[in-house]
């Protein structure tokens, strides 16, 4: 096949294939051509029209204006003699060449900014997030550098949605922390091109993804923890720990084994001197250990269950107050009638709570949950 018959590479493909742009997804032209997806970007990007034409590989439509301007410059040159031209005078062709080279550099810079902002919106759309999921499965974004995360795959995110604030970071779903990319070529990529929404939305869209496994303690470490008389886990001595209640299959829309598996007991570095733990009260002690904490009982994170327990306490308190008022005869009614009124008020109050469904219920836990 001859080189003339080959299809030229698009601007988008060329941009994503550049060194340091491996995190980017290729935004489809259909997405870019939809004006709704570009709402508000015109005020953020200089030379917006020219940048958009460059991204879509559209030829500029102002060729006729350039030809008219060229004819005018040539007529002006003909009217000026050699002696009438001022010092430092440049021919129209030279001036136009310098102007076009300068404009092309500005348009290229604007095109990169515009594509990055479009990319931020594309990767939270259905086709975009699916494309990023494929890159995630293939480990295109790398692994978490934290030892206790045991090689969990990371995801590129931004700490700000405003361009020029922060460079791209890597979010680890195991320890819920962000890291600077290890390779310096990624440290020039703007974090706003990925945004603050993508990381959380990605794992909400794919809750079935296995984030990682709990790090298994070594035999020496387990033996040390078992034999140590001062072993305390979450404030409870290891020898007197209470067995955990049945754990839910899903909590707040997330499978428990995907809920920060790199945190909690056994996944936090403990400083030791000659095998003895350093006290948390010591100057070099692990004061910020709570940042890596994770409850052993996942039920503690069930927001819907906690919501209903709080509401039950409120209803019981209201019913008790009405019964006490009836018993004291303050409203001129007997105790039985007061209890009936309290029960009816309690039932009505319960029905008012969003139709009997918690606004935080993501586990299918209704009134009876």
Protein backbone atom coordinates (compact mmCIF):
# COMPACT_ATOMS: atom_id res chain seq x y z
CA UNK A 1 0.00 0.00 0.00
CA UNK A 2 1.43 3.38 -0.95
CA UNK A 3 1.92 6.10 1.61
CA UNK A 4 -0.47 8.40 -0.25
CA UNK A 5 -3.35 5.95 0.21
CA UNK A 6 -2.87 5.66 3.96
CA UNK A 7 -5.34 7.48 6.20
CA UNK A 8 -3.75 10.37 8.09
CA UNK A 9 -3.71 10.09 11.88
CA UNK A 10 -6.31 12.25 13.58
CA UNK A 11 -5.35 15.03 15.99
CA UNK A 12 -7.02 13.18 18.87
CA UNK A 13 -5.10 9.95 18.21
CA UNK A 14 -1.87 11.88 17.83
CA UNK A 15 -2.44 13.75 21.10
CA UNK A 16 -3.24 10.59 23.09
CA UNK A 17 -0.18 8.79 21.71
CA UNK A 18 2.25 11.46 22.92
CA UNK A 19 4.68 10.55 25.68
CA UNK A 20 3.04 11.29 29.02
CA UNK A 21 -0.51 11.17 27.64
CA UNK A 22 -1.05 7.47 28.28
CA UNK A 23 -3.72 8.24 30.90
CA UNK A 24 -5.98 9.97 28.36
CA UNK A 25 -8.92 8.31 26.66
CA UNK A 26 -9.70 9.03 23.02
CA UNK A 27 -12.81 11.20 23.03
CA UNK A 28 -15.17 10.35 20.19
CA UNK A 29 -15.90 13.04 17.62
CA UNK A 30 -19.64 12.51 18.12
CA UNK A 31 -19.24 13.56 21.75
CA UNK A 32 -17.29 16.67 20.76
CA UNK A 33 -19.71 17.66 18.01
CA UNK A 34 -22.60 17.70 20.50
CA UNK A 35 -22.85 21.33 21.62
CA UNK A 36 -24.46 20.30 24.90
CA UNK A 37 -21.23 18.58 25.99
CA UNK A 38 -19.25 21.79 25.36
CA UNK A 39 -21.48 24.13 27.33
CA UNK A 40 -19.47 26.79 29.17
CA UNK A 41 -16.09 25.92 27.65
CA UNK A 42 -16.03 28.81 25.19
CA UNK A 43 -15.38 31.30 27.99
CA UNK A 44 -12.51 29.22 29.42
CA UNK A 45 -10.49 28.60 26.26
CA UNK A 46 -8.89 31.35 24.14
CA UNK A 47 -9.27 30.99 20.37
CA UNK A 48 -12.04 28.48 21.05
CA UNK A 49 -13.30 28.14 17.49
CA UNK A 50 -9.86 27.58 16.00
CA UNK A 51 -8.96 25.10 18.75
CA UNK A 52 -12.14 23.12 18.17
CA UNK A 53 -11.48 23.00 14.43
CA UNK A 54 -7.96 21.70 15.10
CA UNK A 55 -9.25 18.94 17.39
CA UNK A 56 -11.81 17.83 14.79
CA UNK A 57 -9.32 18.17 11.89
CA UNK A 58 -11.57 20.72 10.19
CA UNK A 59 -9.98 23.04 7.67
CA UNK A 60 -10.38 26.73 8.62
CA UNK A 61 -13.04 28.54 6.60
CA UNK A 62 -11.31 31.93 6.41
CA UNK A 63 -9.13 31.20 3.35
CA UNK A 64 -10.89 33.88 1.30
CA UNK A 65 -10.21 36.52 3.96
CA UNK A 66 -6.54 35.61 3.96
CA UNK A 67 -6.38 35.90 0.15
CA UNK A 68 -8.00 39.35 0.24
CA UNK A 69 -5.56 40.46 2.93
CA UNK A 70 -2.67 39.10 0.86
CA UNK A 71 -3.81 41.07 -2.23
CA UNK A 72 -4.05 44.28 -0.19
CA UNK A 73 -0.54 43.81 1.18
CA UNK A 74 0.85 43.22 -2.31
CA UNK A 75 -0.87 46.37 -3.63
CA UNK A 76 0.66 48.32 -0.75
CA UNK A 77 4.10 47.01 -1.62
CA UNK A 78 3.69 48.03 -5.26
CA UNK A 79 2.78 51.57 -4.23
CA UNK A 80 5.89 51.88 -2.03
CA UNK A 81 9.20 52.24 -3.78
CA UNK A 82 12.42 50.74 -2.58
CA UNK A 83 13.49 54.05 -1.02
CA UNK A 84 10.12 54.69 0.63
CA UNK A 85 10.13 51.52 2.72
CA UNK A 86 10.99 52.16 6.39
CA UNK A 87 13.91 50.54 8.20
CA UNK A 88 13.15 46.99 9.31
CA UNK A 89 10.35 46.67 6.74
CA UNK A 90 9.32 43.09 6.01
CA UNK A 91 7.49 41.82 3.00
CA UNK A 92 3.86 40.81 3.39
CA UNK A 93 4.69 37.14 2.90
CA UNK A 94 7.27 37.23 5.70
CA UNK A 95 4.89 39.03 8.07
CA UNK A 96 2.14 36.57 7.28
CA UNK A 97 4.45 33.61 7.85
CA UNK A 98 5.50 34.94 11.27
CA UNK A 99 1.90 35.66 12.22
CA UNK A 100 0.70 32.21 11.16
CA UNK A 101 3.50 30.48 13.09
CA UNK A 102 2.62 32.44 16.23
CA UNK A 103 -1.10 31.82 15.83
CA UNK A 104 -0.53 28.12 15.20
CA UNK A 105 1.36 27.80 18.48
CA UNK A 106 -1.45 29.56 20.38
CA UNK A 107 -4.12 27.47 18.70
CA UNK A 108 -2.22 24.27 19.54
CA UNK A 109 -2.01 25.29 23.19
CA UNK A 110 -5.72 26.18 23.25
CA UNK A 111 -6.58 22.88 21.57
CA UNK A 112 -4.76 20.93 24.28
CA UNK A 113 -6.60 22.87 26.99
CA UNK A 114 -9.95 22.43 25.27
CA UNK A 115 -9.42 18.72 24.73
CA UNK A 116 -8.48 18.30 28.38
CA UNK A 117 -11.66 19.99 29.58
CA UNK A 118 -13.74 17.93 27.15
CA UNK A 119 -11.93 14.83 28.36
CA UNK A 120 -12.95 15.64 31.95
CA UNK A 121 -16.59 15.47 30.88
CA UNK A 122 -16.18 12.51 28.53
CA UNK A 123 -14.75 10.09 31.10
CA UNK A 124 -17.81 10.47 33.33
CA UNK A 125 -20.13 9.61 30.44
CA UNK A 126 -21.10 6.01 29.70
CA UNK A 127 -18.76 5.41 26.72
CA UNK A 128 -15.92 7.34 28.37
CA UNK A 129 -16.04 5.54 31.70
CA UNK A 130 -16.22 2.21 29.87
CA UNK A 131 -13.08 3.09 27.93
CA UNK A 132 -11.30 4.03 31.16
CA UNK A 133 -12.44 0.74 32.72
CA UNK A 134 -10.66 -1.16 29.96
CA UNK A 135 -7.47 0.80 30.63
CA UNK A 136 -7.88 0.17 34.36
CA UNK A 137 -8.16 -3.59 33.81
CA UNK A 138 -4.98 -3.54 31.76
CA UNK A 139 -3.12 -1.62 34.51
CA UNK A 140 -2.41 1.33 32.24
CA UNK A 141 -2.46 3.63 35.28
CA UNK A 142 -0.09 1.61 37.44
CA UNK A 143 -0.23 0.20 40.97
CA UNK A 144 -0.41 1.75 44.43
CA UNK A 145 3.07 2.31 45.91
CA UNK A 146 1.85 1.60 49.46
CA UNK A 147 3.12 -1.76 50.72
CA UNK A 148 -0.02 -2.66 52.68
CA UNK A 149 -2.19 -2.18 49.58
CA UNK A 150 -0.49 -5.21 48.05
CA UNK A 151 -0.29 -3.95 44.45
CA UNK A 152 -3.80 -2.55 43.98
CA UNK A 153 -4.53 -0.84 40.65
CA UNK A 154 -4.89 2.94 40.81
CA UNK A 155 -6.92 5.47 38.86
CA UNK A 156 -5.94 8.96 37.60
CA UNK A 157 -7.85 11.78 39.29
CA UNK A 158 -7.65 15.51 39.77
CA UNK A 159 -7.62 17.40 43.05
CA UNK A 160 -9.28 20.39 41.36
CA UNK A 161 -11.65 20.99 38.45
CA UNK A 162 -9.94 24.27 37.59
CA UNK A 163 -7.05 24.10 35.09
CA UNK A 164 -3.62 25.13 36.31
CA UNK A 165 -4.18 24.25 39.98
CA UNK A 166 -2.86 20.72 40.43
CA UNK A 167 -1.21 18.05 38.31
CA UNK A 168 -2.79 14.63 37.84
CA UNK A 169 -2.72 12.28 40.84
CA UNK A 170 -3.32 8.56 41.27
CA UNK A 171 -6.19 7.45 43.53
CA UNK A 172 -5.94 4.13 45.34
CA UNK A 173 -9.32 2.53 46.21
CA UNK A 174 -7.64 0.32 48.81
CA UNK A 175 -6.22 2.99 51.12
CA UNK A 176 -8.42 5.84 49.80
CA UNK A 177 -5.41 8.08 49.30
CA UNK A 178 -3.85 9.89 46.33
CA UNK A 179 -0.25 9.73 45.14
CA UNK A 180 1.96 11.57 42.70
CA UNK A 181 2.71 9.47 39.59
CA UNK A 182 6.14 7.84 39.91
CA UNK A 183 7.18 8.79 36.38
CA UNK A 184 8.05 12.45 35.88
CA UNK A 185 6.48 12.57 32.43
CA UNK A 186 3.02 12.55 34.00
CA UNK A 187 3.79 15.45 36.32
CA UNK A 188 3.12 17.97 33.56
CA UNK A 189 -0.43 16.70 32.95
CA UNK A 190 -3.13 18.94 34.43
CA UNK A 191 -5.30 17.22 37.02
CA UNK A 192 -8.36 19.18 35.87
CA UNK A 193 -8.33 17.07 32.69
CA UNK A 194 -9.57 14.17 34.87
CA UNK A 195 -11.52 16.12 37.50
CA UNK A 196 -12.63 15.35 41.03
CA UNK A 197 -15.76 13.37 40.10
CA UNK A 198 -14.26 10.58 38.03
CA UNK A 199 -12.59 8.55 40.78
CA UNK A 200 -15.64 8.08 43.00
CA UNK A 201 -18.08 7.72 40.11
CA UNK A 202 -15.92 5.02 38.53
CA UNK A 203 -16.18 2.66 41.49
CA UNK A 204 -19.86 3.46 41.99
CA UNK A 205 -20.45 2.50 38.35
CA UNK A 206 -18.51 -0.76 38.66
CA UNK A 207 -19.18 -2.02 42.22
CA UNK A 208 -18.41 -5.57 41.11
CA UNK A 209 -14.74 -4.78 40.49
CA UNK A 210 -12.41 -6.49 42.93
CA UNK A 211 -10.34 -3.65 44.35
CA UNK A 212 -7.86 -5.89 46.13
CA UNK A 213 -7.37 -8.40 48.89
CA UNK A 214 -6.60 -7.95 52.53
CA UNK A 215 -2.88 -8.17 53.18
CA UNK A 216 -2.12 -11.43 54.94
CA UNK A 217 0.10 -11.09 57.98
CA UNK A 218 3.25 -13.17 58.12
CA UNK A 219 3.51 -16.06 60.54
CA UNK A 220 6.13 -14.26 62.63
CA UNK A 221 3.98 -11.16 62.88
CA UNK A 222 0.87 -13.14 63.84
CA UNK A 223 2.79 -15.08 66.47
CA UNK A 224 4.22 -11.87 67.86
CA UNK A 225 0.78 -10.30 68.08
CA UNK A 226 -0.68 -13.40 69.74
CA UNK A 227 2.05 -13.78 72.35
CA UNK A 228 2.24 -10.12 73.22
CA UNK A 229 0.39 -9.36 76.43
CA UNK A 230 -0.05 -5.74 75.39
CA UNK A 231 -1.76 -6.52 72.08
CA UNK A 232 -4.66 -4.10 71.74
CA UNK A 233 -6.76 -3.83 68.58
CA UNK A 234 -9.10 -0.87 68.28
CA UNK A 235 -8.83 -0.35 72.04
CA UNK A 236 -9.82 -3.97 72.91
CA UNK A 237 -7.32 -6.59 74.12
CA UNK A 238 -6.92 -9.36 71.56
CA UNK A 239 -7.63 -12.05 74.19
CA UNK A 240 -11.02 -10.54 75.06
CA UNK A 241 -12.35 -9.57 71.66
CA UNK A 242 -16.03 -10.26 71.03
CA UNK A 243 -16.91 -12.29 67.91
CA UNK A 244 -18.26 -10.10 65.13
CA UNK A 245 -21.97 -10.22 64.24
CA UNK A 246 -23.05 -11.42 60.78
CA UNK A 247 -21.60 -9.11 58.14
CA UNK A 248 -23.78 -7.67 55.34
CA UNK A 249 -23.27 -8.68 51.72
CA UNK A 250 -23.36 -5.05 50.63
CA UNK A 251 -22.85 -1.83 52.60
CA UNK A 252 -23.69 1.64 51.29
CA UNK A 253 -23.76 0.24 47.77
CA UNK A 254 -20.29 -1.32 48.06
CA UNK A 255 -19.24 -4.90 48.70
CA UNK A 256 -17.48 -5.14 52.10
CA UNK A 257 -14.36 -6.73 50.58
CA UNK A 258 -14.02 -3.67 48.31
CA UNK A 259 -14.41 -1.17 51.13
CA UNK A 260 -10.86 0.09 51.73
CA UNK A 261 -9.29 -3.38 52.02
CA UNK A 262 -5.86 -1.82 52.58
CA UNK A 263 -6.89 -0.15 55.84
CA UNK A 264 -7.73 -1.39 59.30
CA UNK A 265 -6.21 -4.01 61.58
CA UNK A 266 -3.05 -5.58 60.23
CA UNK A 267 -2.67 -3.07 57.41
CA UNK A 268 -1.07 -0.20 59.32
CA UNK A 269 2.65 0.06 59.85
CA UNK A 270 3.54 -0.11 63.54
CA UNK A 271 6.91 1.34 64.58
CA UNK A 272 8.88 -1.03 66.78
CA UNK A 273 12.17 -0.91 68.68
CA UNK A 274 13.79 -4.29 69.34
CA UNK A 275 10.44 -5.92 68.63
CA UNK A 276 8.44 -3.75 71.06
CA UNK A 277 5.75 -1.38 69.85
CA UNK A 278 6.35 2.34 70.23
CA UNK A 279 3.74 3.94 72.46
CA UNK A 280 1.27 6.25 70.76
CA UNK A 281 2.11 8.84 73.42
CA UNK A 282 5.76 8.83 72.48
CA UNK A 283 7.16 11.68 70.42
CA UNK A 284 7.76 9.31 67.50
CA UNK A 285 4.58 7.33 68.09
CA UNK A 286 1.84 6.73 65.50
CA UNK A 287 -0.41 9.63 66.51
CA UNK A 288 -2.15 9.79 63.12
CA UNK A 289 -2.95 6.08 63.10
CA UNK A 290 -6.67 6.82 63.06
CA UNK A 291 -6.33 8.08 59.49
CA UNK A 292 -5.75 4.48 58.41
CA UNK A 293 -8.38 2.94 60.69
CA UNK A 294 -11.19 0.73 59.43
CA UNK A 295 -13.83 -0.85 61.69
CA UNK A 296 -13.72 -4.64 61.98
CA UNK A 297 -17.51 -4.67 62.15
CA UNK A 298 -18.75 -3.31 58.82
CA UNK A 299 -22.22 -2.81 60.31
CA UNK A 300 -20.86 0.34 61.93
CA UNK A 301 -20.75 1.94 58.48
CA UNK A 302 -24.38 1.16 57.63
CA UNK A 303 -25.77 4.67 57.36
CA UNK A 304 -29.32 3.53 56.64
CA UNK A 305 -29.43 1.34 59.73
CA UNK A 306 -28.09 4.16 61.89
CA UNK A 307 -30.72 6.50 60.42
CA UNK A 308 -33.59 4.21 61.38
CA UNK A 309 -32.20 3.59 64.84
CA UNK A 310 -32.03 7.34 65.46
CA UNK A 311 -35.59 7.81 64.24
CA UNK A 312 -36.86 4.98 66.43
CA UNK A 313 -35.30 6.65 69.45
CA UNK A 314 -36.99 9.96 68.59
CA UNK A 315 -40.39 8.30 68.18
CA UNK A 316 -40.04 6.40 71.42
CA UNK A 317 -39.13 9.58 73.29
CA UNK A 318 -42.15 11.42 71.87
CA UNK A 319 -44.49 8.54 72.74
CA UNK A 320 -43.10 8.33 76.27
CA UNK A 321 -43.64 12.05 76.83
CA UNK A 322 -47.28 11.85 75.72
CA UNK A 323 -47.92 8.84 77.94
CA UNK A 324 -46.45 10.66 80.92
CA UNK A 325 -48.63 13.69 80.23
CA UNK A 326 -51.71 11.46 80.06
CA UNK A 327 -50.76 9.73 83.29
CA UNK A 328 -50.44 13.06 85.05
CA UNK A 329 -53.86 14.07 83.78
CA UNK A 330 -52.59 17.32 82.31
CA UNK A 331 -54.82 16.97 79.21
CA UNK A 332 -57.88 15.57 80.96
CA UNK A 333 -57.61 12.09 79.43
CA UNK A 334 -56.99 8.69 80.97
CA UNK A 335 -53.86 6.58 80.54
CA UNK A 336 -55.32 4.17 77.97
CA UNK A 337 -56.49 6.99 75.74
CA UNK A 338 -53.11 8.70 76.11
CA UNK A 339 -51.30 5.54 75.03
CA UNK A 340 -53.58 5.24 71.99
CA UNK A 341 -52.90 8.85 71.03
CA UNK A 342 -49.18 8.37 71.47
CA UNK A 343 -49.27 5.28 69.26
CA UNK A 344 -51.22 7.10 66.54
CA UNK A 345 -48.82 10.04 66.63
CA UNK A 346 -45.88 7.65 66.47
CA UNK A 347 -47.37 5.88 63.45
CA UNK A 348 -48.10 9.17 61.66
CA UNK A 349 -44.61 10.45 62.35
CA UNK A 350 -43.15 7.26 60.94
CA UNK A 351 -45.17 7.62 57.75
CA UNK A 352 -43.88 11.15 57.29
CA UNK A 353 -40.28 9.99 57.13
CA UNK A 354 -39.97 10.13 53.37
CA UNK A 355 -42.73 7.59 52.78
CA UNK A 356 -41.11 5.05 55.05
CA UNK A 357 -37.80 4.96 53.13
CA UNK A 358 -34.53 6.38 54.35
CA UNK A 359 -32.90 8.93 52.02
CA UNK A 360 -29.56 7.22 52.72
CA UNK A 361 -30.83 3.70 52.07
CA UNK A 362 -28.64 2.09 49.39
CA UNK A 363 -28.79 -1.46 50.73
CA UNK A 364 -32.49 -2.12 50.27
CA UNK A 365 -33.03 -1.67 54.01
CA UNK A 366 -36.52 -0.29 54.39
CA UNK A 367 -38.64 0.22 57.45
CA UNK A 368 -38.17 -3.32 58.54
CA UNK A 369 -34.38 -3.24 58.01
